C-alpha atoms as a PDB file:
ATOM      1  CA  UNK A   1       4.440 -38.691  15.431  1.00  0.00           C
ATOM      2  CA  UNK A   2       2.733 -35.970  13.425  1.00  0.00           C
ATOM      3  CA  UNK A   3      -0.932 -35.166  13.796  1.00  0.00           C
ATOM      4  CA  UNK A   4      -3.065 -36.233  10.780  1.00  0.00           C
ATOM      5  CA  UNK A   5      -3.843 -32.560  10.112  1.00  0.00           C
ATOM      6  CA  UNK A   6      -0.198 -31.433  10.065  1.00  0.00           C
ATOM      7  CA  UNK A   7       0.173 -31.532   6.271  1.00  0.00           C
ATOM      8  CA  UNK A   8      -3.133 -29.721   5.873  1.00  0.00           C
ATOM      9  CA  UNK A   9      -1.924 -27.011   8.270  1.00  0.00           C
ATOM     10  CA  UNK A  10       1.343 -26.641   6.342  1.00  0.00           C
ATOM     11  CA  UNK A  11      -0.610 -26.262   3.097  1.00  0.00           C
ATOM     12  CA  UNK A  12      -3.062 -23.799   4.667  1.00  0.00           C
ATOM     13  CA  UNK A  13      -0.311 -21.530   5.986  1.00  0.00           C
ATOM     14  CA  UNK A  14       1.602 -21.702   2.703  1.00  0.00           C
ATOM     15  CA  UNK A  15      -1.513 -20.777   0.728  1.00  0.00           C
ATOM     16  CA  UNK A  16      -2.383 -17.761   2.855  1.00  0.00           C
ATOM     17  CA  UNK A  17       1.232 -16.555   2.931  1.00  0.00           C
ATOM     18  CA  UNK A  18       1.305 -16.718  -0.848  1.00  0.00           C
ATOM     19  CA  UNK A  19      -1.592 -14.220  -0.760  1.00  0.00           C
ATOM     20  CA  UNK A  20       0.477 -11.763   1.262  1.00  0.00           C
ATOM     21  CA  UNK A  21      -0.466 -12.639   4.865  1.00  0.00           C
ATOM     22  CA  UNK A  22       2.504 -13.049   7.221  1.00  0.00           C
ATOM     23  CA  UNK A  23       0.649 -15.183   9.805  1.00  0.00           C
ATOM     24  CA  UNK A  24       3.325 -14.984  12.509  1.00  0.00           C
ATOM     25  CA  UNK A  25       0.859 -15.782  15.308  1.00  0.00           C
ATOM     26  CA  UNK A  26      -0.928 -18.490  13.313  1.00  0.00           C
ATOM     27  CA  UNK A  27       2.417 -20.084  12.541  1.00  0.00           C
ATOM     28  CA  UNK A  28       3.134 -20.361  16.253  1.00  0.00           C
ATOM     29  CA  UNK A  29      -0.273 -21.138  17.719  1.00  0.00           C
ATOM     30  CA  UNK A  30      -2.011 -23.435  15.242  1.00  0.00           C
ATOM     31  CA  UNK A  31       0.732 -26.097  15.614  1.00  0.00           C
ATOM     32  CA  UNK A  32       0.059 -25.881  19.367  1.00  0.00           C
ATOM     33  CA  UNK A  33      -3.606 -26.483  18.636  1.00  0.00           C
ATOM     34  CA  UNK A  34      -2.700 -29.670  16.758  1.00  0.00           C
ATOM     35  CA  UNK A  35      -0.625 -30.809  19.737  1.00  0.00           C
ATOM     36  CA  UNK A  36      -3.680 -30.191  21.918  1.00  0.00           C
ATOM     37  CA  UNK A  37      -5.851 -32.265  19.567  1.00  0.00           C
ATOM     38  CA  UNK A  38      -3.281 -35.047  19.595  1.00  0.00           C
ATOM     39  CA  UNK A  39      -3.188 -35.111  23.404  1.00  0.00           C
ATOM     40  CA  UNK A  40      -6.950 -35.509  23.318  1.00  0.00           C
ATOM     41  CA  UNK A  41      -6.679 -38.262  20.686  1.00  0.00           C
ATOM     42  CA  UNK A  42      -8.753 -36.270  18.204  1.00  0.00           C
ATOM     43  CA  UNK A  43      -8.087 -36.779  14.488  1.00  0.00           C
ATOM     44  CA  UNK A  44     -10.311 -33.872  13.444  1.00  0.00           C
ATOM     45  CA  UNK A  45     -11.500 -30.507  14.781  1.00  0.00           C
ATOM     46  CA  UNK A  46     -14.566 -30.306  16.999  1.00  0.00           C
ATOM     47  CA  UNK A  47     -16.152 -27.188  18.444  1.00  0.00           C
ATOM     48  CA  UNK A  48     -15.850 -28.622  21.946  1.00  0.00           C
ATOM     49  CA  UNK A  49     -12.102 -29.188  21.737  1.00  0.00           C
ATOM     50  CA  UNK A  50     -11.616 -25.864  19.978  1.00  0.00           C
ATOM     51  CA  UNK A  51     -13.364 -24.120  22.889  1.00  0.00           C
ATOM     52  CA  UNK A  52     -11.252 -25.998  25.443  1.00  0.00           C
ATOM     53  CA  UNK A  53      -8.052 -24.878  23.712  1.00  0.00           C
ATOM     54  CA  UNK A  54      -9.265 -21.307  23.229  1.00  0.00           C
ATOM     55  CA  UNK A  55     -10.198 -20.960  26.902  1.00  0.00           C
ATOM     56  CA  UNK A  56      -6.614 -21.750  27.901  1.00  0.00           C
ATOM     57  CA  UNK A  57      -5.835 -18.200  26.818  1.00  0.00           C
ATOM     58  CA  UNK A  58      -7.254 -15.014  28.337  1.00  0.00           C
ATOM     59  CA  UNK A  59      -8.814 -11.743  27.232  1.00  0.00           C
ATOM     60  CA  UNK A  60      -8.161 -10.751  23.661  1.00  0.00           C
ATOM     61  CA  UNK A  61      -6.070 -13.911  23.177  1.00  0.00           C
ATOM     62  CA  UNK A  62      -9.290 -15.938  23.166  1.00  0.00           C
ATOM     63  CA  UNK A  63     -10.814 -14.010  20.266  1.00  0.00           C
ATOM     64  CA  UNK A  64      -7.529 -14.298  18.352  1.00  0.00           C
ATOM     65  CA  UNK A  65      -7.431 -18.060  18.880  1.00  0.00           C
ATOM     66  CA  UNK A  66     -11.053 -18.380  17.793  1.00  0.00           C
ATOM     67  CA  UNK A  67     -10.322 -16.465  14.597  1.00  0.00           C
ATOM     68  CA  UNK A  68      -7.310 -18.678  13.856  1.00  0.00           C
ATOM     69  CA  UNK A  69      -9.152 -21.949  14.454  1.00  0.00           C
ATOM     70  CA  UNK A  70     -12.203 -20.852  12.460  1.00  0.00           C
ATOM     71  CA  UNK A  71     -10.057 -19.958   9.458  1.00  0.00           C
ATOM     72  CA  UNK A  72      -8.189 -23.255   9.553  1.00  0.00           C
ATOM     73  CA  UNK A  73     -11.378 -25.270  10.169  1.00  0.00           C
ATOM     74  CA  UNK A  74     -13.152 -23.669   7.197  1.00  0.00           C
ATOM     75  CA  UNK A  75     -10.206 -24.687   5.046  1.00  0.00           C
ATOM     76  CA  UNK A  76     -10.296 -28.262   6.382  1.00  0.00           C
ATOM     77  CA  UNK A  77     -14.016 -28.761   5.673  1.00  0.00           C
ATOM     78  CA  UNK A  78     -13.171 -29.051   1.984  1.00  0.00           C
ATOM     79  CA  UNK A  79     -11.245 -32.246   2.769  1.00  0.00           C
ATOM     80  CA  UNK A  80     -12.870 -33.685   5.893  1.00  0.00           C
ATOM     81  CA  UNK A  81     -16.649 -33.476   6.378  1.00  0.00           C
ATOM     82  CA  UNK A  82     -16.281 -34.402  10.053  1.00  0.00           C
ATOM     83  CA  UNK A  83     -14.700 -31.026  10.795  1.00  0.00           C
ATOM     84  CA  UNK A  84     -16.748 -28.674  12.952  1.00  0.00           C
ATOM     85  CA  UNK A  85     -16.234 -24.947  12.365  1.00  0.00           C
ATOM     86  CA  UNK A  86     -16.572 -23.191  15.744  1.00  0.00           C
ATOM     87  CA  UNK A  87     -19.300 -20.511  15.698  1.00  0.00           C
ATOM     88  CA  UNK A  88     -18.124 -16.908  15.479  1.00  0.00           C
ATOM     89  CA  UNK A  89     -19.751 -16.112  18.849  1.00  0.00           C
ATOM     90  CA  UNK A  90     -18.216 -19.079  20.646  1.00  0.00           C
ATOM     91  CA  UNK A  91     -16.428 -16.676  23.005  1.00  0.00           C
ATOM     92  CA  UNK A  92     -17.506 -13.079  23.709  1.00  0.00           C
ATOM     93  CA  UNK A  93     -15.605 -10.489  21.731  1.00  0.00           C
ATOM     94  CA  UNK A  94     -13.969  -8.127  24.187  1.00  0.00           C
ATOM     95  CA  UNK A  95     -11.811  -6.138  21.814  1.00  0.00           C
ATOM     96  CA  UNK A  96     -13.384  -3.077  20.232  1.00  0.00           C
ATOM     97  CA  UNK A  97     -11.320  -1.308  17.611  1.00  0.00           C
ATOM     98  CA  UNK A  98     -10.577   2.168  18.987  1.00  0.00           C
ATOM     99  CA  UNK A  99     -12.020   4.995  16.952  1.00  0.00           C
ATOM    100  CA  UNK A 100      -9.052   6.933  15.590  1.00  0.00           C
ATOM    101  CA  UNK A 101      -8.433  10.528  16.504  1.00  0.00           C
ATOM    102  CA  UNK A 102      -8.329  12.838  13.478  1.00  0.00           C
ATOM    103  CA  UNK A 103      -5.827  15.600  14.093  1.00  0.00           C
ATOM    104  CA  UNK A 104      -6.685  19.096  12.866  1.00  0.00           C
ATOM    105  CA  UNK A 105      -4.240  20.890  10.584  1.00  0.00           C
ATOM    106  CA  UNK A 106      -3.403  23.200  13.466  1.00  0.00           C
ATOM    107  CA  UNK A 107      -2.630  20.304  15.814  1.00  0.00           C
ATOM    108  CA  UNK A 108      -0.340  18.666  13.277  1.00  0.00           C
ATOM    109  CA  UNK A 109       1.462  21.951  12.700  1.00  0.00           C
ATOM    110  CA  UNK A 110       1.976  22.512  16.433  1.00  0.00           C
ATOM    111  CA  UNK A 111       3.181  18.951  16.896  1.00  0.00           C
ATOM    112  CA  UNK A 112       5.819  18.981  14.171  1.00  0.00           C
ATOM    113  CA  UNK A 113       6.970  22.483  15.095  1.00  0.00           C
ATOM    114  CA  UNK A 114       7.525  21.280  18.656  1.00  0.00           C
ATOM    115  CA  UNK A 115       9.392  18.284  17.235  1.00  0.00           C
ATOM    116  CA  UNK A 116      11.657  20.711  15.358  1.00  0.00           C
ATOM    117  CA  UNK A 117      12.719  22.192  18.734  1.00  0.00           C
ATOM    118  CA  UNK A 118      13.251  18.829  20.475  1.00  0.00           C
ATOM    119  CA  UNK A 119      16.533  19.444  22.369  1.00  0.00           C
ATOM    120  CA  UNK A 120      17.900  15.892  22.324  1.00  0.00           C
ATOM    121  CA  UNK A 121      17.399  15.487  18.598  1.00  0.00           C
ATOM    122  CA  UNK A 122      20.534  14.333  16.802  1.00  0.00           C
ATOM    123  CA  UNK A 123      20.836  14.408  13.847  1.00  0.00           C
ATOM    124  CA  UNK A 124      18.923  17.672  14.229  1.00  0.00           C
ATOM    125  CA  UNK A 125      15.403  17.477  12.868  1.00  0.00           C
ATOM    126  CA  UNK A 126      15.052  13.684  13.089  1.00  0.00           C
ATOM    127  CA  UNK A 127      11.668  13.711  14.813  1.00  0.00           C
ATOM    128  CA  UNK A 128      10.540  16.773  12.884  1.00  0.00           C
ATOM    129  CA  UNK A 129      11.152  14.955   9.579  1.00  0.00           C
ATOM    130  CA  UNK A 130       9.809  11.626  10.831  1.00  0.00           C
ATOM    131  CA  UNK A 131       6.506  13.028  12.156  1.00  0.00           C
ATOM    132  CA  UNK A 132       6.147  15.284   9.142  1.00  0.00           C
ATOM    133  CA  UNK A 133       6.643  12.358   6.775  1.00  0.00           C
ATOM    134  CA  UNK A 134       4.045  10.286   8.632  1.00  0.00           C
ATOM    135  CA  UNK A 135       1.555  13.154   8.428  1.00  0.00           C
ATOM    136  CA  UNK A 136       1.885  13.732   4.674  1.00  0.00           C
ATOM    137  CA  UNK A 137       2.406  10.157   3.447  1.00  0.00           C
ATOM    138  CA  UNK A 138       0.160   7.888   5.516  1.00  0.00           C
ATOM    139  CA  UNK A 139       3.058   5.515   6.212  1.00  0.00           C
ATOM    140  CA  UNK A 140       2.961   3.130   9.148  1.00  0.00           C
ATOM    141  CA  UNK A 141       5.594   3.982  11.751  1.00  0.00           C
ATOM    142  CA  UNK A 142       7.306   0.627  11.182  1.00  0.00           C
ATOM    143  CA  UNK A 143       7.535   1.330   7.457  1.00  0.00           C
ATOM    144  CA  UNK A 144       9.126   4.738   8.066  1.00  0.00           C
ATOM    145  CA  UNK A 145      11.834   3.552  10.451  1.00  0.00           C
ATOM    146  CA  UNK A 146      12.675   0.583   8.203  1.00  0.00           C
ATOM    147  CA  UNK A 147      13.421   2.879   5.253  1.00  0.00           C
ATOM    148  CA  UNK A 148      16.907   2.175   3.963  1.00  0.00           C
ATOM    149  CA  UNK A 149      19.069   4.638   2.065  1.00  0.00           C
ATOM    150  CA  UNK A 150      18.292   3.035  -1.281  1.00  0.00           C
ATOM    151  CA  UNK A 151      14.552   3.292  -0.547  1.00  0.00           C
ATOM    152  CA  UNK A 152      14.629   7.101  -0.384  1.00  0.00           C
ATOM    153  CA  UNK A 153      14.966   8.406  -3.942  1.00  0.00           C
ATOM    154  CA  UNK A 154      15.092  12.189  -3.590  1.00  0.00           C
ATOM    155  CA  UNK A 155      15.983  12.671  -7.265  1.00  0.00           C
ATOM    156  CA  UNK A 156      12.779  11.066  -8.498  1.00  0.00           C
ATOM    157  CA  UNK A 157      10.798  12.058  -5.376  1.00  0.00           C
ATOM    158  CA  UNK A 158       9.615   8.573  -4.440  1.00  0.00           C
ATOM    159  CA  UNK A 159       9.885   6.169  -1.513  1.00  0.00           C
ATOM    160  CA  UNK A 160      10.051   2.395  -1.936  1.00  0.00           C
ATOM    161  CA  UNK A 161       8.219   0.646   0.895  1.00  0.00           C
ATOM    162  CA  UNK A 162       9.383  -2.957   1.161  1.00  0.00           C
ATOM    163  CA  UNK A 163       8.136  -5.978   3.098  1.00  0.00           C
ATOM    164  CA  UNK A 164       5.040  -4.258   4.456  1.00  0.00           C
ATOM    165  CA  UNK A 165       2.491  -5.560   6.954  1.00  0.00           C
ATOM    166  CA  UNK A 166       1.063  -7.907   4.315  1.00  0.00           C
ATOM    167  CA  UNK A 167       4.335  -8.761   2.581  1.00  0.00           C
ATOM    168  CA  UNK A 168       3.835  -6.396  -0.361  1.00  0.00           C
ATOM    169  CA  UNK A 169       5.965  -3.536  -1.681  1.00  0.00           C
ATOM    170  CA  UNK A 170       4.765  -0.208  -3.039  1.00  0.00           C
ATOM    171  CA  UNK A 171       5.967   3.181  -4.241  1.00  0.00           C
ATOM    172  CA  UNK A 172       4.979   6.392  -2.443  1.00  0.00           C
ATOM    173  CA  UNK A 173       5.483   9.689  -4.313  1.00  0.00           C
ATOM    174  CA  UNK A 174       6.747  12.723  -2.407  1.00  0.00           C
ATOM    175  CA  UNK A 175       5.772  16.380  -2.621  1.00  0.00           C
ATOM    176  CA  UNK A 176       8.660  18.763  -3.509  1.00  0.00           C
ATOM    177  CA  UNK A 177       8.533  20.372  -0.044  1.00  0.00           C
ATOM    178  CA  UNK A 178       8.904  16.936   1.560  1.00  0.00           C
ATOM    179  CA  UNK A 179      11.857  16.164  -0.713  1.00  0.00           C
ATOM    180  CA  UNK A 180      13.516  19.408   0.407  1.00  0.00           C
ATOM    181  CA  UNK A 181      13.115  18.614   4.112  1.00  0.00           C
ATOM    182  CA  UNK A 182      14.320  15.029   3.713  1.00  0.00           C
ATOM    183  CA  UNK A 183      17.280  16.232   1.668  1.00  0.00           C
ATOM    184  CA  UNK A 184      18.308  18.662   4.413  1.00  0.00           C
ATOM    185  CA  UNK A 185      17.969  15.921   7.016  1.00  0.00           C
ATOM    186  CA  UNK A 186      20.099  13.567   4.905  1.00  0.00           C
ATOM    187  CA  UNK A 187      22.921  16.107   4.853  1.00  0.00           C
ATOM    188  CA  UNK A 188      22.850  16.404   8.658  1.00  0.00           C
ATOM    189  CA  UNK A 189      22.570  12.630   8.980  1.00  0.00           C
ATOM    190  CA  UNK A 190      25.594  12.020   6.773  1.00  0.00           C
ATOM    191  CA  UNK A 191      27.594  14.673   8.626  1.00  0.00           C
ATOM    192  CA  UNK A 192      26.839  12.996  11.974  1.00  0.00           C
ATOM    193  CA  UNK A 193      27.948   9.611  10.693  1.00  0.00           C
ATOM    194  CA  UNK A 194      31.136  11.030   9.141  1.00  0.00           C
ATOM    195  CA  UNK A 195      33.291   7.988   8.365  1.00  0.00           C
ATOM    196  CA  UNK A 196      30.727   5.563   9.795  1.00  0.00           C
ATOM    197  CA  UNK A 197      27.842   4.161   7.795  1.00  0.00           C
ATOM    198  CA  UNK A 198      24.262   3.071   8.372  1.00  0.00           C
ATOM    199  CA  UNK A 199      21.889   1.350   5.979  1.00  0.00           C
ATOM    200  CA  UNK A 200      18.878   3.118   7.519  1.00  0.00           C
ATOM    201  CA  UNK A 201      17.666   6.575   6.586  1.00  0.00           C
ATOM    202  CA  UNK A 202      16.367   7.654  10.011  1.00  0.00           C
ATOM    203  CA  UNK A 203      18.962   7.118  12.717  1.00  0.00           C
ATOM    204  CA  UNK A 204      19.554   7.865  16.394  1.00  0.00           C
ATOM    205  CA  UNK A 205      22.387   9.990  17.767  1.00  0.00           C
ATOM    206  CA  UNK A 206      24.455   6.796  17.999  1.00  0.00           C
ATOM    207  CA  UNK A 207      23.943   6.063  14.316  1.00  0.00           C
ATOM    208  CA  UNK A 208      21.637   3.117  15.027  1.00  0.00           C
ATOM    209  CA  UNK A 209      18.112   2.667  13.615  1.00  0.00           C
ATOM    210  CA  UNK A 210      15.295   4.332  15.554  1.00  0.00           C
ATOM    211  CA  UNK A 211      13.223   2.010  17.739  1.00  0.00           C
ATOM    212  CA  UNK A 212       9.502   2.101  18.453  1.00  0.00           C
ATOM    213  CA  UNK A 213       9.754   2.632  22.219  1.00  0.00           C
ATOM    214  CA  UNK A 214      11.940   5.742  21.875  1.00  0.00           C
ATOM    215  CA  UNK A 215       9.683   7.211  19.184  1.00  0.00           C
ATOM    216  CA  UNK A 216       6.534   6.679  21.249  1.00  0.00           C
ATOM    217  CA  UNK A 217       8.190   8.211  24.309  1.00  0.00           C
ATOM    218  CA  UNK A 218       9.234  11.329  22.390  1.00  0.00           C
ATOM    219  CA  UNK A 219       5.867  11.574  20.614  1.00  0.00           C
ATOM    220  CA  UNK A 220       3.921  11.323  23.878  1.00  0.00           C
ATOM    221  CA  UNK A 221       6.074  14.040  25.451  1.00  0.00           C
ATOM    222  CA  UNK A 222       5.635  16.353  22.468  1.00  0.00           C
ATOM    223  CA  UNK A 223       1.861  15.738  22.464  1.00  0.00           C
ATOM    224  CA  UNK A 224       1.593  16.684  26.134  1.00  0.00           C
ATOM    225  CA  UNK A 225       3.687  19.793  25.582  1.00  0.00           C
ATOM    226  CA  UNK A 226       1.407  21.141  22.826  1.00  0.00           C
ATOM    227  CA  UNK A 227      -1.775  20.162  24.704  1.00  0.00           C
ATOM    228  CA  UNK A 228      -2.947  17.293  22.475  1.00  0.00           C
ATOM    229  CA  UNK A 229      -2.580  14.736  25.274  1.00  0.00           C
ATOM    230  CA  UNK A 230      -3.160  15.251  28.983  1.00  0.00           C
ATOM    231  CA  UNK A 231      -0.543  12.791  30.198  1.00  0.00           C
ATOM    232  CA  UNK A 232       2.422  10.888  28.816  1.00  0.00           C
ATOM    233  CA  UNK A 233       0.766   7.588  29.629  1.00  0.00           C
ATOM    234  CA  UNK A 234      -2.787   6.378  29.269  1.00  0.00           C
ATOM    235  CA  UNK A 235      -5.328   7.102  26.566  1.00  0.00           C
ATOM    236  CA  UNK A 236      -5.124   9.852  24.016  1.00  0.00           C
ATOM    237  CA  UNK A 237      -4.355  10.539  20.368  1.00  0.00           C
ATOM    238  CA  UNK A 238      -1.867   8.014  19.019  1.00  0.00           C
ATOM    239  CA  UNK A 239       1.033   8.230  16.611  1.00  0.00           C
ATOM    240  CA  UNK A 240      -0.805   5.836  14.295  1.00  0.00           C
ATOM    241  CA  UNK A 241      -3.683   8.313  14.111  1.00  0.00           C
ATOM    242  CA  UNK A 242      -1.553  10.429  11.765  1.00  0.00           C
ATOM    243  CA  UNK A 243      -2.067   7.668   9.210  1.00  0.00           C
ATOM    244  CA  UNK A 244      -5.827   7.724   9.770  1.00  0.00           C
ATOM    245  CA  UNK A 245      -5.827  11.500   9.368  1.00  0.00           C
ATOM    246  CA  UNK A 246      -4.072  11.188   6.023  1.00  0.00           C
ATOM    247  CA  UNK A 247      -6.653   8.683   4.756  1.00  0.00           C
ATOM    248  CA  UNK A 248      -9.686  10.658   5.937  1.00  0.00           C
ATOM    249  CA  UNK A 249      -8.303  13.991   4.697  1.00  0.00           C
ATOM    250  CA  UNK A 250      -7.635  12.462   1.273  1.00  0.00           C
ATOM    251  CA  UNK A 251     -11.189  11.159   1.006  1.00  0.00           C
ATOM    252  CA  UNK A 252     -12.686  14.468   2.139  1.00  0.00           C
ATOM    253  CA  UNK A 253     -10.596  16.369  -0.405  1.00  0.00           C
ATOM    254  CA  UNK A 254     -11.765  14.015  -3.169  1.00  0.00           C
ATOM    255  CA  UNK A 255     -15.410  14.462  -2.248  1.00  0.00           C
ATOM    256  CA  UNK A 256     -15.108  18.241  -2.104  1.00  0.00           C
ATOM    257  CA  UNK A 257     -13.362  18.270  -5.489  1.00  0.00           C
ATOM    258  CA  UNK A 258     -16.191  16.250  -7.015  1.00  0.00           C
ATOM    259  CA  UNK A 259     -13.991  13.226  -7.759  1.00  0.00           C
ATOM    260  CA  UNK A 260     -15.370   9.736  -8.308  1.00  0.00           C
ATOM    261  CA  UNK A 261     -14.377   8.492  -4.846  1.00  0.00           C
ATOM    262  CA  UNK A 262     -15.562   4.920  -5.370  1.00  0.00           C
ATOM    263  CA  UNK A 263     -13.350   4.698  -8.453  1.00  0.00           C
ATOM    264  CA  UNK A 264     -10.415   6.246  -6.572  1.00  0.00           C
ATOM    265  CA  UNK A 265     -10.612   4.039  -3.477  1.00  0.00           C
ATOM    266  CA  UNK A 266      -8.429   1.242  -4.901  1.00  0.00           C
ATOM    267  CA  UNK A 267      -5.738   3.864  -5.547  1.00  0.00           C
ATOM    268  CA  UNK A 268      -5.851   5.012  -1.924  1.00  0.00           C
ATOM    269  CA  UNK A 269      -5.869   1.394  -0.716  1.00  0.00           C
ATOM    270  CA  UNK A 270      -2.708   0.719  -2.737  1.00  0.00           C
ATOM    271  CA  UNK A 271      -1.095   3.944  -1.529  1.00  0.00           C
ATOM    272  CA  UNK A 272      -1.762   2.996   2.111  1.00  0.00           C
ATOM    273  CA  UNK A 273      -0.658  -0.598   1.624  1.00  0.00           C
ATOM    274  CA  UNK A 274      -4.038  -2.081   2.576  1.00  0.00           C
ATOM    275  CA  UNK A 275      -4.430  -5.755   1.772  1.00  0.00           C
ATOM    276  CA  UNK A 276      -7.810  -5.051   0.171  1.00  0.00           C
ATOM    277  CA  UNK A 277     -10.039  -2.090  -0.634  1.00  0.00           C
ATOM    278  CA  UNK A 278     -12.469  -3.223   2.103  1.00  0.00           C
ATOM    279  CA  UNK A 279      -9.963  -1.953   4.671  1.00  0.00           C
ATOM    280  CA  UNK A 280     -10.197   1.497   3.089  1.00  0.00           C
ATOM    281  CA  UNK A 281     -14.010   1.392   2.944  1.00  0.00           C
ATOM    282  CA  UNK A 282     -13.916   1.267   6.756  1.00  0.00           C
ATOM    283  CA  UNK A 283     -13.232   5.011   6.842  1.00  0.00           C
ATOM    284  CA  UNK A 284     -16.457   5.741   4.965  1.00  0.00           C
ATOM    285  CA  UNK A 285     -18.463   4.026   7.696  1.00  0.00           C
ATOM    286  CA  UNK A 286     -16.618   5.576  10.639  1.00  0.00           C
ATOM    287  CA  UNK A 287     -16.628   9.290   9.925  1.00  0.00           C
ATOM    288  CA  UNK A 288     -19.829  11.389   9.882  1.00  0.00           C
ATOM    289  CA  UNK A 289     -18.329  14.055   7.615  1.00  0.00           C
ATOM    290  CA  UNK A 290     -17.418  11.456   5.016  1.00  0.00           C
ATOM    291  CA  UNK A 291     -20.869   9.906   5.218  1.00  0.00           C
ATOM    292  CA  UNK A 292     -22.450  13.358   4.841  1.00  0.00           C
ATOM    293  CA  UNK A 293     -20.322  14.141   1.776  1.00  0.00           C
ATOM    294  CA  UNK A 294     -21.095  10.747   0.260  1.00  0.00           C
ATOM    295  CA  UNK A 295     -24.833  11.215   0.840  1.00  0.00           C
ATOM    296  CA  UNK A 296     -24.704  14.712  -0.643  1.00  0.00           C
ATOM    297  CA  UNK A 297     -23.011  13.423  -3.778  1.00  0.00           C
ATOM    298  CA  UNK A 298     -25.574  10.637  -4.085  1.00  0.00           C
ATOM    299  CA  UNK A 299     -28.438  13.130  -3.744  1.00  0.00           C
ATOM    300  CA  UNK A 300     -26.900  15.311  -6.448  1.00  0.00           C
ATOM    301  CA  UNK A 301     -26.646  12.297  -8.734  1.00  0.00           C
ATOM    302  CA  UNK A 302     -30.320  11.438  -8.169  1.00  0.00           C
ATOM    303  CA  UNK A 303     -31.275  15.024  -8.880  1.00  0.00           C
ATOM    304  CA  UNK A 304     -29.197  15.054 -12.061  1.00  0.00           C
ATOM    305  CA  UNK A 305     -26.646  17.580 -10.780  1.00  0.00           C
ATOM    306  CA  UNK A 306     -23.632  15.287 -11.096  1.00  0.00           C
END
């Protein structure tokens, strides 16, 4: 027997997925929440039962469950006035978003040059091209390793990024120097495969797609070798921080060039594949240099200099 809220949950998930959210965890856990309500003979959501279900998890899982239940409960209040939306501070938030590390130009150069010399690289230059592409494009690592041959258009100098984090696709233009490096890698890739074939652009020495664990292992080793990280394991600059560097560097360049950054932000948000421009605004709040540049531009505007 289905819970009375089952149809509402199906509609809620369908609505949010139509907006681009994948909701993998919600799709698994919210049905479990309905089972929990049914076991407790509850036809609607209460804060007490929500807390009981949330506390069955641990650590960060509790804050994730709270976020899921709150979103669903807010949706349900439009149809059932008995619904209680759990307060946002129902459980203490233990997860703090780590402040990204912004690589210097010199650090990026050392890192990709070390990747060029990686001895177990085959096709030669795989990690050199992969890390270089991440540094100059702002791609997520998952987006880069999912690139298929038809997604890499070296004639028109553009990448097609499909099925992104939020279910959207986008085009990413390439600089001529990047096209040259990717073209050279493609030749070596095709030579390695010979009569075999692979749908993916970046491949391993066996001709299979690259996997996250291998990439992180190689990246950590390269970072230690050039002195960016102290140890292969533990804290330190991350691979994903190359994406943050791209975003921050782009914003800084715009400010220094006198561009209308507020007007340009939606362009950067689209380029990065952010679900909304608010995600891109986060960088303005996190980095002192960006805040200083923004304040300077505002002062110039007040003084009639811009």
